[in-house]
Protein backbone atom coordinates (compact mmCIF):
# COMPACT_ATOMS: atom_id res chain seq x y z
CA MET A 1 92.54 110.34 79.08
CA ARG A 2 92.30 107.05 81.02
CA PRO A 3 92.21 107.46 84.83
CA PRO A 4 95.27 106.00 86.61
CA ALA A 5 94.88 102.39 87.76
CA PRO A 6 94.37 101.96 91.50
CA ALA A 7 97.53 101.01 93.40
CA GLN A 8 97.83 97.24 93.78
CA ARG A 9 98.84 95.80 97.17
CA LEU A 10 101.51 93.12 96.98
CA PRO A 11 100.55 89.74 98.54
CA GLY A 12 103.30 90.10 101.16
CA GLU A 13 102.04 93.57 102.07
CA ARG A 14 98.49 92.27 102.52
CA GLY A 15 99.76 89.45 104.72
CA ALA A 16 101.79 91.83 106.85
CA MET A 17 98.80 94.14 107.29
CA ALA A 18 96.52 91.24 108.24
CA GLN A 19 99.09 90.04 110.75
CA ALA A 20 99.41 93.54 112.25
CA GLY A 21 95.60 93.71 112.45
CA ARG A 22 95.47 90.38 114.27
CA ALA A 23 98.21 91.53 116.67
CA SER A 24 96.38 94.75 117.51
CA LEU A 25 93.11 92.81 118.04
CA LYS A 26 94.95 90.52 120.41
CA GLU A 27 96.39 93.53 122.25
CA GLN A 28 92.90 94.98 122.62
CA ARG A 29 91.42 91.69 123.82
CA TYR A 30 94.19 90.87 126.29
CA ASP A 31 95.24 94.44 127.17
CA ARG A 32 94.84 94.14 130.95
CA GLN A 33 96.61 90.82 131.33
CA LEU A 34 99.46 91.88 129.00
CA ARG A 35 100.18 94.63 131.54
CA LEU A 36 100.50 91.92 134.17
CA TRP A 37 102.65 89.29 132.49
CA GLY A 38 103.80 90.90 129.22
CA ASP A 39 104.07 89.51 125.68
CA HIS A 40 106.42 86.72 126.75
CA GLY A 41 103.99 85.60 129.48
CA GLN A 42 101.15 85.57 126.97
CA GLU A 43 103.27 83.57 124.51
CA ALA A 44 103.97 80.96 127.21
CA LEU A 45 100.24 80.77 127.98
CA GLU A 46 99.30 80.42 124.31
CA SER A 47 101.74 77.58 123.72
CA ALA A 48 100.63 75.58 126.80
CA HIS A 49 98.50 72.43 126.77
CA VAL A 50 96.69 71.71 130.04
CA CYS A 51 94.79 68.58 131.05
CA VAL A 52 91.82 68.87 133.41
CA ILE A 53 90.51 65.68 134.95
CA ASN A 54 86.73 65.73 135.48
CA ALA A 55 84.39 68.38 134.07
CA THR A 56 82.83 69.01 137.47
CA ALA A 57 81.71 72.50 138.54
CA THR A 58 85.23 73.07 139.90
CA GLY A 59 86.91 71.69 136.77
CA THR A 60 84.90 73.83 134.34
CA GLU A 61 85.35 76.98 136.48
CA ILE A 62 89.13 76.47 136.36
CA LEU A 63 88.96 76.02 132.60
CA LYS A 64 86.75 79.09 132.13
CA ASN A 65 89.48 81.15 133.83
CA LEU A 66 92.14 79.64 131.55
CA VAL A 67 90.19 79.81 128.28
CA LEU A 68 89.31 83.50 128.68
CA PRO A 69 92.96 84.68 128.98
CA GLY A 70 93.90 82.48 125.99
CA ILE A 71 95.46 79.19 127.10
CA GLY A 72 96.77 77.41 123.97
CA SER A 73 94.78 74.19 124.33
CA PHE A 74 93.07 72.06 126.94
CA THR A 75 91.95 68.45 127.18
CA ILE A 76 89.21 67.26 129.51
CA VAL A 77 89.41 63.66 130.73
CA ASP A 78 86.05 62.45 132.07
CA GLY A 79 84.23 59.15 131.58
CA ASN A 80 81.05 60.25 133.41
CA TRP A 81 77.68 61.02 131.85
CA VAL A 82 75.87 64.27 132.56
CA SER A 83 73.32 63.94 135.38
CA GLY A 84 70.60 66.29 136.65
CA GLU A 85 72.88 67.07 139.62
CA ASP A 86 75.63 68.22 137.21
CA VAL A 87 73.24 70.57 135.42
CA GLY A 88 72.21 72.04 138.78
CA ASN A 89 75.69 73.27 139.75
CA ASN A 90 77.63 73.56 136.48
CA PHE A 91 77.13 76.55 134.15
CA PHE A 92 78.82 74.67 131.30
CA LEU A 93 76.26 71.87 131.20
CA GLN A 94 72.61 72.19 130.13
CA LYS A 95 69.45 70.08 130.49
CA SER A 96 69.82 68.91 126.90
CA HIS A 97 73.21 67.38 127.83
CA ILE A 98 71.75 64.90 130.35
CA GLY A 99 72.83 61.39 129.37
CA GLN A 100 75.70 62.63 127.17
CA ASN A 101 79.40 62.47 127.98
CA ARG A 102 80.37 65.20 130.44
CA ALA A 103 83.79 65.96 128.90
CA GLN A 104 82.35 66.45 125.40
CA SER A 105 79.41 68.59 126.57
CA ALA A 106 81.59 70.91 128.67
CA THR A 107 84.23 71.24 125.92
CA GLU A 108 81.63 72.46 123.41
CA LEU A 109 80.43 75.30 125.65
CA LEU A 110 83.88 76.24 126.98
CA GLN A 111 85.21 76.67 123.44
CA GLU A 112 82.55 79.29 122.73
CA LEU A 113 84.35 81.60 125.20
CA ASN A 114 87.46 81.98 123.01
CA ASN A 115 87.90 80.93 119.36
CA ASP A 116 91.71 81.04 119.68
CA VAL A 117 91.71 78.16 122.17
CA SER A 118 91.72 74.53 121.08
CA GLY A 119 89.54 72.23 123.21
CA ASN A 120 89.76 68.42 123.27
CA PHE A 121 88.09 65.72 125.33
CA VAL A 122 88.66 62.08 126.21
CA GLU A 123 85.57 60.01 127.11
CA GLU A 124 87.38 57.76 129.53
CA SER A 125 87.86 57.62 133.29
CA PRO A 126 91.29 58.65 134.64
CA GLU A 127 91.50 55.21 136.32
CA LYS A 128 91.27 53.44 132.92
CA LEU A 129 93.82 55.80 131.35
CA LEU A 130 96.26 55.22 134.21
CA GLU A 131 95.79 51.48 133.74
CA ASN A 132 95.93 51.26 129.94
CA ASP A 133 97.84 54.32 128.71
CA PRO A 134 99.77 56.08 131.52
CA SER A 135 102.05 57.85 129.00
CA PHE A 136 98.95 59.81 127.85
CA PHE A 137 99.57 62.36 130.63
CA ASN A 138 103.18 63.05 129.51
CA ARG A 139 102.02 65.30 126.64
CA PHE A 140 100.79 68.10 128.94
CA ASN A 141 102.55 71.10 130.47
CA LEU A 142 100.42 70.71 133.58
CA VAL A 143 97.63 68.46 134.86
CA VAL A 144 94.74 69.67 137.04
CA ALA A 145 92.90 66.95 138.98
CA THR A 146 89.48 67.78 140.43
CA GLN A 147 87.25 65.69 142.72
CA LEU A 148 89.38 62.52 142.50
CA PRO A 149 89.24 59.65 145.02
CA GLU A 150 92.42 59.28 147.09
CA SER A 151 93.68 56.03 145.51
CA THR A 152 93.42 57.40 141.93
CA LEU A 153 94.99 60.70 142.99
CA LEU A 154 98.03 58.99 144.56
CA ARG A 155 98.62 56.89 141.42
CA LEU A 156 98.36 59.93 139.17
CA ALA A 157 100.58 62.03 141.45
CA GLU A 158 103.33 59.40 141.45
CA LEU A 159 103.25 59.07 137.66
CA LEU A 160 103.47 62.87 137.12
CA TRP A 161 106.13 63.32 139.83
CA ASN A 162 108.38 60.78 138.10
CA SER A 163 107.74 62.45 134.72
CA ASN A 164 108.44 65.96 136.14
CA ILE A 165 104.99 67.25 135.13
CA PRO A 166 103.35 69.72 137.55
CA LEU A 167 100.09 68.59 139.15
CA LEU A 168 97.50 70.87 140.74
CA VAL A 169 94.92 69.09 142.87
CA CYS A 170 91.71 71.05 143.39
CA ARG A 171 88.67 70.01 145.35
CA THR A 172 85.38 71.53 146.48
CA TYR A 173 83.69 69.71 149.34
CA GLY A 174 80.64 71.51 150.70
CA LEU A 175 81.82 74.88 151.98
CA VAL A 176 85.47 73.80 151.93
CA GLY A 177 88.01 74.36 149.16
CA TYR A 178 91.33 72.49 148.91
CA MET A 179 94.31 72.89 146.60
CA ARG A 180 97.67 71.14 146.54
CA ILE A 181 100.58 71.87 144.19
CA VAL A 182 102.77 68.86 143.46
CA MET A 183 106.02 69.61 141.62
CA LYS A 184 109.67 68.99 142.39
CA GLU A 185 110.96 72.47 141.62
CA HIS A 186 109.51 75.68 140.28
CA THR A 187 111.87 78.55 139.47
CA VAL A 188 110.61 82.12 139.14
CA VAL A 189 112.50 84.97 137.46
CA GLU A 190 109.73 87.58 137.50
CA SER A 191 108.27 87.29 140.98
CA HIS A 192 106.71 90.81 140.82
CA PRO A 193 107.21 91.64 144.51
CA ASP A 194 105.14 94.44 146.06
CA ASN A 195 106.70 97.73 147.20
CA THR A 196 110.18 97.16 145.81
CA LEU A 197 112.80 99.83 146.46
CA GLU A 198 114.58 101.43 143.51
CA ASP A 199 118.09 100.17 142.73
CA LEU A 200 119.92 103.52 142.88
CA ARG A 201 123.31 102.49 144.42
CA LEU A 202 123.75 105.86 146.15
CA ASP A 203 125.67 104.20 149.01
CA LYS A 204 128.01 102.52 146.48
CA PRO A 205 127.90 104.64 143.30
CA PHE A 206 129.47 102.94 140.29
CA PRO A 207 132.19 105.02 138.50
CA GLU A 208 129.87 106.34 135.73
CA LEU A 209 127.28 107.46 138.28
CA ARG A 210 129.93 109.11 140.46
CA GLU A 211 131.28 110.97 137.44
CA HIS A 212 127.76 112.11 136.42
CA ILE A 213 127.00 113.40 139.93
CA GLN A 214 130.32 115.26 140.06
CA SER A 215 129.39 117.09 136.83
CA TYR A 216 126.75 119.04 138.82
CA ASP A 217 127.79 122.09 140.81
CA LEU A 218 124.77 123.04 142.91
CA ASP A 219 126.53 126.07 144.43
CA HIS A 220 127.14 127.78 141.06
CA MET A 221 123.89 127.16 139.14
CA ASP A 222 121.25 129.57 137.96
CA LYS A 223 117.83 129.32 139.57
CA LYS A 224 116.24 127.39 136.68
CA ASP A 225 118.90 124.66 136.59
CA HIS A 226 118.99 124.45 140.38
CA SER A 227 115.24 123.82 140.61
CA HIS A 228 115.33 121.22 137.79
CA THR A 229 118.17 119.06 139.06
CA PRO A 230 116.94 115.44 139.59
CA TRP A 231 116.40 114.58 143.25
CA ILE A 232 118.70 111.52 142.93
CA VAL A 233 121.59 113.90 142.15
CA ILE A 234 120.63 116.17 145.09
CA VAL A 235 120.57 113.25 147.57
CA ALA A 236 123.87 111.91 146.18
CA LYS A 237 125.54 115.36 146.48
CA TYR A 238 124.50 115.81 150.10
CA LEU A 239 125.36 112.20 150.88
CA THR A 240 128.97 112.95 149.88
CA LYS A 241 128.96 115.84 152.39
CA TRP A 242 127.40 113.60 155.02
CA PHE A 243 130.00 110.84 154.44
CA ASN A 244 132.84 113.35 154.88
CA GLU A 245 131.48 114.35 158.27
CA ASN A 246 130.31 110.88 159.41
CA SER A 247 133.12 108.55 158.31
CA ASP A 248 131.29 107.04 155.33
CA GLN A 249 128.32 105.84 157.43
CA LEU A 250 124.82 106.06 155.95
CA PRO A 251 122.23 107.89 158.07
CA LYS A 252 120.33 105.01 159.70
CA SER A 253 118.41 106.12 162.78
CA TYR A 254 115.45 108.50 162.67
CA LYS A 255 117.60 111.21 164.27
CA GLU A 256 120.36 110.81 161.66
CA LYS A 257 117.88 110.81 158.75
CA GLU A 258 116.24 113.95 160.13
CA ALA A 259 119.68 115.60 160.34
CA PHE A 260 120.35 114.56 156.73
CA ARG A 261 117.01 116.03 155.62
CA GLN A 262 117.96 119.27 157.36
CA LEU A 263 121.28 119.27 155.46
CA ILE A 264 119.33 119.06 152.15
CA ARG A 265 116.91 121.82 153.30
CA GLN A 266 119.87 124.17 153.79
CA GLY A 267 120.67 123.78 150.09
CA ILE A 268 117.34 125.28 148.94
CA LEU A 269 117.93 128.66 147.28
CA LYS A 270 116.77 131.75 149.19
CA ASN A 271 115.32 134.94 147.74
CA GLU A 272 116.54 138.45 148.51
CA SER A 273 114.63 138.58 151.80
CA GLY A 274 116.19 135.28 152.93
CA THR A 275 112.99 133.19 152.48
CA PRO A 276 113.56 129.72 150.92
CA GLU A 277 112.44 129.46 147.29
CA ASP A 278 109.75 126.95 146.29
CA GLU A 279 111.98 124.17 144.87
CA GLU A 280 109.91 121.02 144.36
CA ASN A 281 112.91 118.90 143.39
CA PHE A 282 114.50 119.53 146.81
CA GLU A 283 111.20 118.69 148.54
CA GLU A 284 111.15 115.49 146.48
CA ALA A 285 114.71 114.70 147.62
CA ILE A 286 113.73 115.23 151.28
CA LYS A 287 110.64 113.03 150.85
CA ASN A 288 112.70 110.19 149.28
CA VAL A 289 115.46 110.08 151.90
CA ASN A 290 114.02 106.97 153.55
CA THR A 291 113.80 104.86 150.40
CA ALA A 292 116.87 106.26 148.59
CA LEU A 293 119.31 105.46 151.39
CA ASN A 294 118.82 101.69 151.41
CA THR A 295 122.00 99.62 151.63
CA THR A 296 123.06 97.88 148.42
CA GLU A 297 123.26 94.23 149.44
CA ILE A 298 122.37 90.77 148.18
CA PRO A 299 119.06 89.55 149.66
CA ARG A 300 119.28 86.41 151.79
CA CYS A 301 117.01 84.41 149.44
CA ILE A 302 119.43 85.17 146.55
CA GLU A 303 122.41 84.09 148.66
CA GLU A 304 120.55 80.82 149.26
CA ILE A 305 120.09 80.38 145.50
CA PHE A 306 123.83 81.03 144.96
CA ASN A 307 124.67 78.38 147.59
CA ASP A 308 122.14 75.87 146.27
CA ASP A 309 123.51 72.57 145.05
CA CYS A 310 121.86 73.12 141.64
CA CYS A 311 123.82 76.38 141.24
CA ILE A 312 127.15 75.00 142.42
CA ASN A 313 127.06 71.68 140.51
CA LEU A 314 125.81 72.45 136.99
CA THR A 315 125.22 69.55 134.58
CA GLU A 316 124.14 69.18 130.94
CA GLN A 317 120.57 68.79 132.26
CA SER A 318 120.66 72.05 134.25
CA PRO A 319 117.81 74.39 133.21
CA SER A 320 118.78 77.88 131.99
CA PHE A 321 117.63 79.34 135.36
CA TRP A 322 120.49 77.63 137.18
CA VAL A 323 123.06 78.41 134.47
CA LEU A 324 122.12 82.11 134.68
CA ALA A 325 122.06 82.03 138.49
CA ARG A 326 125.64 80.72 138.42
CA ALA A 327 126.61 83.36 135.83
CA VAL A 328 125.22 86.12 138.11
CA LYS A 329 127.06 84.59 141.07
CA GLU A 330 130.33 84.75 139.11
CA PHE A 331 129.52 88.33 138.06
CA VAL A 332 129.01 89.29 141.73
CA ALA A 333 132.39 87.78 142.64
CA ASN A 334 134.15 89.61 139.79
CA GLU A 335 132.84 92.66 137.87
CA GLY A 336 130.00 93.31 140.33
CA GLN A 337 132.42 93.65 143.26
CA GLY A 338 129.93 92.08 145.65
CA SER A 339 126.77 93.56 144.08
CA LEU A 340 124.10 92.23 141.72
CA PRO A 341 123.72 93.62 138.17
CA VAL A 342 122.25 97.15 138.13
CA ARG A 343 118.51 97.07 137.37
CA GLY A 344 118.80 100.09 135.07
CA THR A 345 115.57 101.91 135.89
CA ILE A 346 114.87 105.13 137.79
CA PRO A 347 111.55 106.57 138.99
CA ASP A 348 109.84 109.54 137.40
CA MET A 349 110.78 112.87 139.00
CA ILE A 350 110.74 116.65 138.73
CA ALA A 351 113.59 117.57 136.36
CA ASP A 352 114.00 119.01 132.90
CA SER A 353 113.97 116.40 130.11
CA ASN A 354 117.64 116.79 129.28
CA LYS A 355 118.88 116.18 132.84
CA PHE A 356 116.45 113.31 133.42
CA ILE A 357 117.41 111.52 130.16
CA LYS A 358 121.13 111.91 130.90
CA LEU A 359 120.69 110.39 134.36
CA GLN A 360 118.44 107.64 133.01
CA ASN A 361 121.08 106.78 130.39
CA VAL A 362 123.79 106.47 133.06
CA TYR A 363 121.76 103.72 134.76
CA ARG A 364 120.67 102.13 131.47
CA GLU A 365 124.21 101.96 130.09
CA LYS A 366 125.50 100.44 133.33
CA ALA A 367 122.71 97.84 133.22
CA LYS A 368 123.65 96.98 129.59
CA LYS A 369 127.29 96.64 130.60
CA ASP A 370 126.36 94.32 133.48
CA ILE A 371 124.09 92.22 131.23
CA ALA A 372 126.96 91.80 128.76
CA ALA A 373 129.30 90.71 131.58
CA VAL A 374 126.77 88.16 132.91
CA GLY A 375 126.26 87.02 129.28
CA ASN A 376 129.99 86.32 128.96
CA HIS A 377 129.96 84.21 132.13
CA ALA A 378 126.86 82.36 130.88
CA ALA A 379 128.48 81.68 127.47
CA LYS A 380 131.58 80.18 129.16
CA LEU A 381 129.38 78.01 131.41
CA LEU A 382 127.31 76.79 128.46
CA GLN A 383 130.49 75.95 126.57
CA SER A 384 131.86 73.96 129.52
CA LEU A 385 128.55 72.03 129.68
CA GLY A 386 128.62 71.30 125.93
CA LYS A 387 125.52 73.42 125.30
CA ALA A 388 124.97 75.85 122.43
CA PRO A 389 125.44 79.55 123.38
CA GLU A 390 122.08 80.39 121.78
CA SER A 391 120.27 78.01 124.19
CA ILE A 392 119.85 81.11 126.38
CA SER A 393 118.24 83.99 124.48
CA GLU A 394 119.15 87.67 124.82
CA ARG A 395 115.66 88.37 126.19
CA GLU A 396 116.02 85.65 128.83
CA LEU A 397 119.40 87.07 129.87
CA LYS A 398 118.06 90.65 130.17
CA LEU A 399 115.01 89.54 132.18
CA PHE A 400 117.16 87.51 134.52
CA CYS A 401 119.61 90.36 135.19
CA SER A 402 116.93 93.00 135.76
CA ASN A 403 115.14 90.63 138.18
CA SER A 404 118.23 89.17 139.83
CA ALA A 405 117.21 90.54 143.26
CA PHE A 406 113.76 88.93 143.06
CA LEU A 407 114.48 85.34 141.95
CA ARG A 408 112.55 82.61 143.74
CA VAL A 409 112.77 78.82 143.90
CA VAL A 410 109.82 76.79 145.22
CA ARG A 411 110.26 73.10 146.02
CA CYS A 412 107.19 71.07 146.96
CA ARG A 413 107.01 67.71 148.69
CA SER A 414 105.49 64.80 146.80
CA LEU A 415 102.01 63.56 147.64
CA ALA A 416 103.52 60.17 148.54
CA GLU A 417 105.66 61.89 151.21
CA GLU A 418 102.64 63.75 152.58
CA TYR A 419 100.57 60.57 152.79
CA GLY A 420 103.39 58.31 154.10
CA LEU A 421 103.11 57.36 157.79
CA ASN A 422 106.83 57.97 158.32
CA THR A 423 107.20 61.03 156.12
CA PHE A 424 104.08 63.16 156.75
CA ASN A 425 104.71 66.61 158.23
CA LYS A 426 103.59 65.97 161.82
CA ASP A 427 105.20 69.14 163.22
CA GLU A 428 103.34 71.42 160.79
CA ILE A 429 100.00 69.85 161.77
CA ILE A 430 100.63 69.99 165.53
CA SER A 431 101.94 73.60 165.39
CA HIS A 432 98.68 74.83 163.85
CA MET A 433 96.31 72.80 166.03
CA ASP A 434 96.68 75.15 169.03
CA ASN A 435 93.75 76.90 167.42
CA PRO A 436 90.77 74.45 167.43
CA ASP A 437 89.28 76.33 164.45
CA SER A 438 92.44 76.43 162.32
CA GLU A 439 91.86 75.74 158.61
CA LEU A 440 94.06 72.69 159.16
CA VAL A 441 91.09 71.03 160.89
CA LEU A 442 89.35 71.06 157.49
CA TYR A 443 92.36 69.24 155.99
CA LEU A 444 92.11 66.54 158.68
CA MET A 445 88.38 66.24 157.98
CA LEU A 446 89.03 65.81 154.22
CA ARG A 447 91.47 63.02 155.02
CA ALA A 448 88.84 61.40 157.27
CA VAL A 449 86.23 61.71 154.51
CA ASP A 450 88.59 59.95 152.07
CA ARG A 451 89.08 57.18 154.64
CA PHE A 452 85.27 56.88 154.87
CA TYR A 453 85.08 56.54 151.06
CA LYS A 454 87.73 53.81 151.12
CA GLN A 455 85.79 51.83 153.72
CA HIS A 456 82.22 52.37 152.50
CA GLY A 457 82.59 53.03 148.76
CA ARG A 458 80.70 56.34 149.10
CA TYR A 459 81.03 59.72 150.81
CA PRO A 460 79.20 60.43 154.11
CA GLY A 461 75.71 61.93 154.13
CA VAL A 462 75.13 61.86 150.36
CA TYR A 463 71.42 61.21 151.07
CA ASN A 464 69.55 62.86 153.95
CA TYR A 465 68.60 59.56 155.59
CA GLN A 466 72.33 58.65 155.88
CA VAL A 467 73.44 61.78 157.78
CA GLU A 468 72.68 60.61 161.34
CA ASP A 469 74.17 57.13 160.88
CA ASP A 470 77.23 58.47 159.10
CA ILE A 471 78.18 60.88 161.92
CA GLY A 472 79.39 57.98 164.08
CA LYS A 473 81.11 56.28 161.13
CA LEU A 474 82.95 59.47 160.11
CA LYS A 475 83.97 60.12 163.73
CA SER A 476 85.46 56.65 163.85
CA CYS A 477 87.34 57.29 160.53
CA LEU A 478 88.74 60.54 161.94
CA SER A 479 89.85 58.85 165.20
CA GLY A 480 91.47 56.04 163.21
CA PHE A 481 93.34 58.51 161.01
CA LEU A 482 94.61 60.60 163.98
CA GLN A 483 95.61 57.48 165.94
CA GLU A 484 97.43 55.92 162.97
CA HIS A 485 99.42 59.14 162.49
CA GLY A 486 100.15 59.58 166.20
CA LEU A 487 98.31 62.90 166.31
CA SER A 488 96.95 63.69 169.77
CA VAL A 489 94.83 66.60 168.56
CA VAL A 490 91.17 67.30 169.25
CA VAL A 491 88.69 68.00 166.46
CA LYS A 492 85.34 69.41 167.57
CA ASP A 493 82.26 67.26 166.89
CA ASP A 494 80.73 70.24 165.07
CA TYR A 495 83.12 69.62 162.17
CA VAL A 496 82.15 65.95 161.89
CA HIS A 497 78.43 66.91 161.81
CA GLU A 498 79.13 69.65 159.25
CA PHE A 499 81.01 67.32 156.88
CA CYS A 500 78.21 64.76 157.07
CA ARG A 501 75.68 67.46 156.20
CA TYR A 502 77.80 68.48 153.17
CA GLY A 503 77.09 65.11 151.57
CA ALA A 504 80.09 65.64 149.24
CA ALA A 505 78.13 68.41 147.49
CA GLU A 506 79.97 70.84 145.21
CA PRO A 507 78.18 74.21 145.62
CA HIS A 508 78.75 76.44 142.61
CA ALA A 509 79.70 79.50 144.70
CA VAL A 510 82.64 77.65 146.31
CA ALA A 511 83.57 75.93 143.03
CA ALA A 512 83.68 79.33 141.28
CA PHE A 513 85.95 80.77 143.97
CA MET A 514 88.27 77.76 143.82
CA GLY A 515 88.20 77.88 140.01
CA GLY A 516 89.54 81.43 140.04
CA ALA A 517 92.22 80.65 142.64
CA ALA A 518 93.36 77.46 140.88
CA ALA A 519 93.52 79.07 137.42
CA GLN A 520 95.70 81.81 138.91
CA GLU A 521 98.20 79.19 140.17
CA VAL A 522 98.16 77.40 136.78
CA ILE A 523 99.02 80.69 135.04
CA LYS A 524 101.85 81.32 137.53
CA VAL A 525 103.35 77.89 136.80
CA ILE A 526 103.01 78.23 133.00
CA THR A 527 104.32 81.81 132.70
CA GLY A 528 107.00 81.36 135.38
CA GLN A 529 105.84 84.66 136.86
CA PHE A 530 104.58 85.53 140.37
CA VAL A 531 105.15 83.06 143.22
CA ILE A 532 103.02 79.94 143.69
CA PHE A 533 101.95 78.83 147.17
CA ASN A 534 103.82 75.95 148.79
CA ASN A 535 102.14 73.54 148.97
CA THR A 536 98.61 73.24 150.43
CA TYR A 537 95.83 75.84 150.36
CA ILE A 538 92.61 75.50 152.37
CA TYR A 539 89.58 77.77 151.98
CA SER A 540 86.76 77.91 154.52
CA GLY A 541 83.48 79.16 153.12
CA MET A 542 82.07 79.13 156.66
CA SER A 543 84.46 81.73 158.05
CA GLN A 544 85.50 83.25 154.68
CA THR A 545 89.18 82.65 155.54
CA SER A 546 92.00 80.73 153.86
CA ALA A 547 95.48 79.57 154.78
CA THR A 548 98.48 77.80 153.26
CA PHE A 549 100.45 74.97 154.86
CA GLN A 550 103.61 73.02 153.97
CA LEU A 551 102.38 69.46 154.32
């Protein structure tokens, strides 16, 4: 008898299995970052195309930290040839590269870090591109400019500002790191704030929650049920008692909260000898009094978003963020009765599975109901703007509702405003110069160094024999800058000497630190998660401190 033929896999089946295999490999490779920004964050990263100007030590360190987590593609723009100095401070250039184009050499080695990333290079200086093909930069999601002279940087910044393309300026100068984010508006749905309180609504229980709480009768329960009742229910039950005796006022002061805890303690079952039983759920309720009794209100930053011009006056060009913000605002005024959509999550707690799942479902169902209501408002708004209802996905709607208390909007000033004599932020500079060693001094020194470059066609102290002569020249550039801007601030001579000794060097240790920090901001912009700084970041390698300023 002939043995049965082996089962044949259908082509579609093989394809599906291969795809599943690739997905699980990706999950393994990116496991830790997926926990941070989720599948949707990873998708945004993988579909992004970033341009990095100059494959300097700083530029390649930024790219290393974007290639490893799986940025879709990158393009390096650099018309320089690899020198011995480059090989000395750049891990992505080798001796054999000397004399070759820097963009090409760095691209080859960076691509080895991740096969899924597409690397490109352009062997041309940014100055030539800006002159001959300025529209080249419009194809990118974001541009990172490293170690650019001031005049080129201002031209690039103006072009990108007008095209609405985010620009991140990053610079390493001796032991100083500098970053500047230049973008008109950046909206964040998932800001991932630290130490957020649960959205339990115990001060304003919605009808379904009130009904669920009323279904419990703590006074007529057997011992097992009593000790497995979720702590949220226990707090809610005793809060009703408290409200009856305290005219609907939440316990606010320490004394009142202690009295409320005592009220809960009295509810712990006692054994025959009158000793309280060991009921962990009641102890959990007592422990959570502080965080559970927060007032349900709309945070001030969300009120500001609701009152923002972009939320009030929607247009066909309005991004989905503002359409959804307006939809949530209308929900608050109607179905929400003054409150944001319910988040729909509860913390883990001591309870039997049945009771916990029932309580969890009460919050989940309410959250679904609120999402549907916000969705209806959004659909009407989209219709009135002549936009398709599917222009906002179900996933986008759910994310927005569950994060509606944590929305953020960051608006940066343009570089032209910062550099303009009549528009620079004089108050911000003066307010920080009370401290003669503020990181802002380093910003003033960088501006003086750029002035030196403009006047002398080189940076101060590049060669040892120039250091002494350049101290006086740099001091004069600094005085000229301060005088021109009407800044009567004093900068210690030590800083002038230090910057001359730097000789515009780009030490790898500082470049690596700045590369990590800059890549983090790029990922925030691309994924729309976590909050970017606004707008200037200065790092001091001398004191190991950093600060942000709104310049």
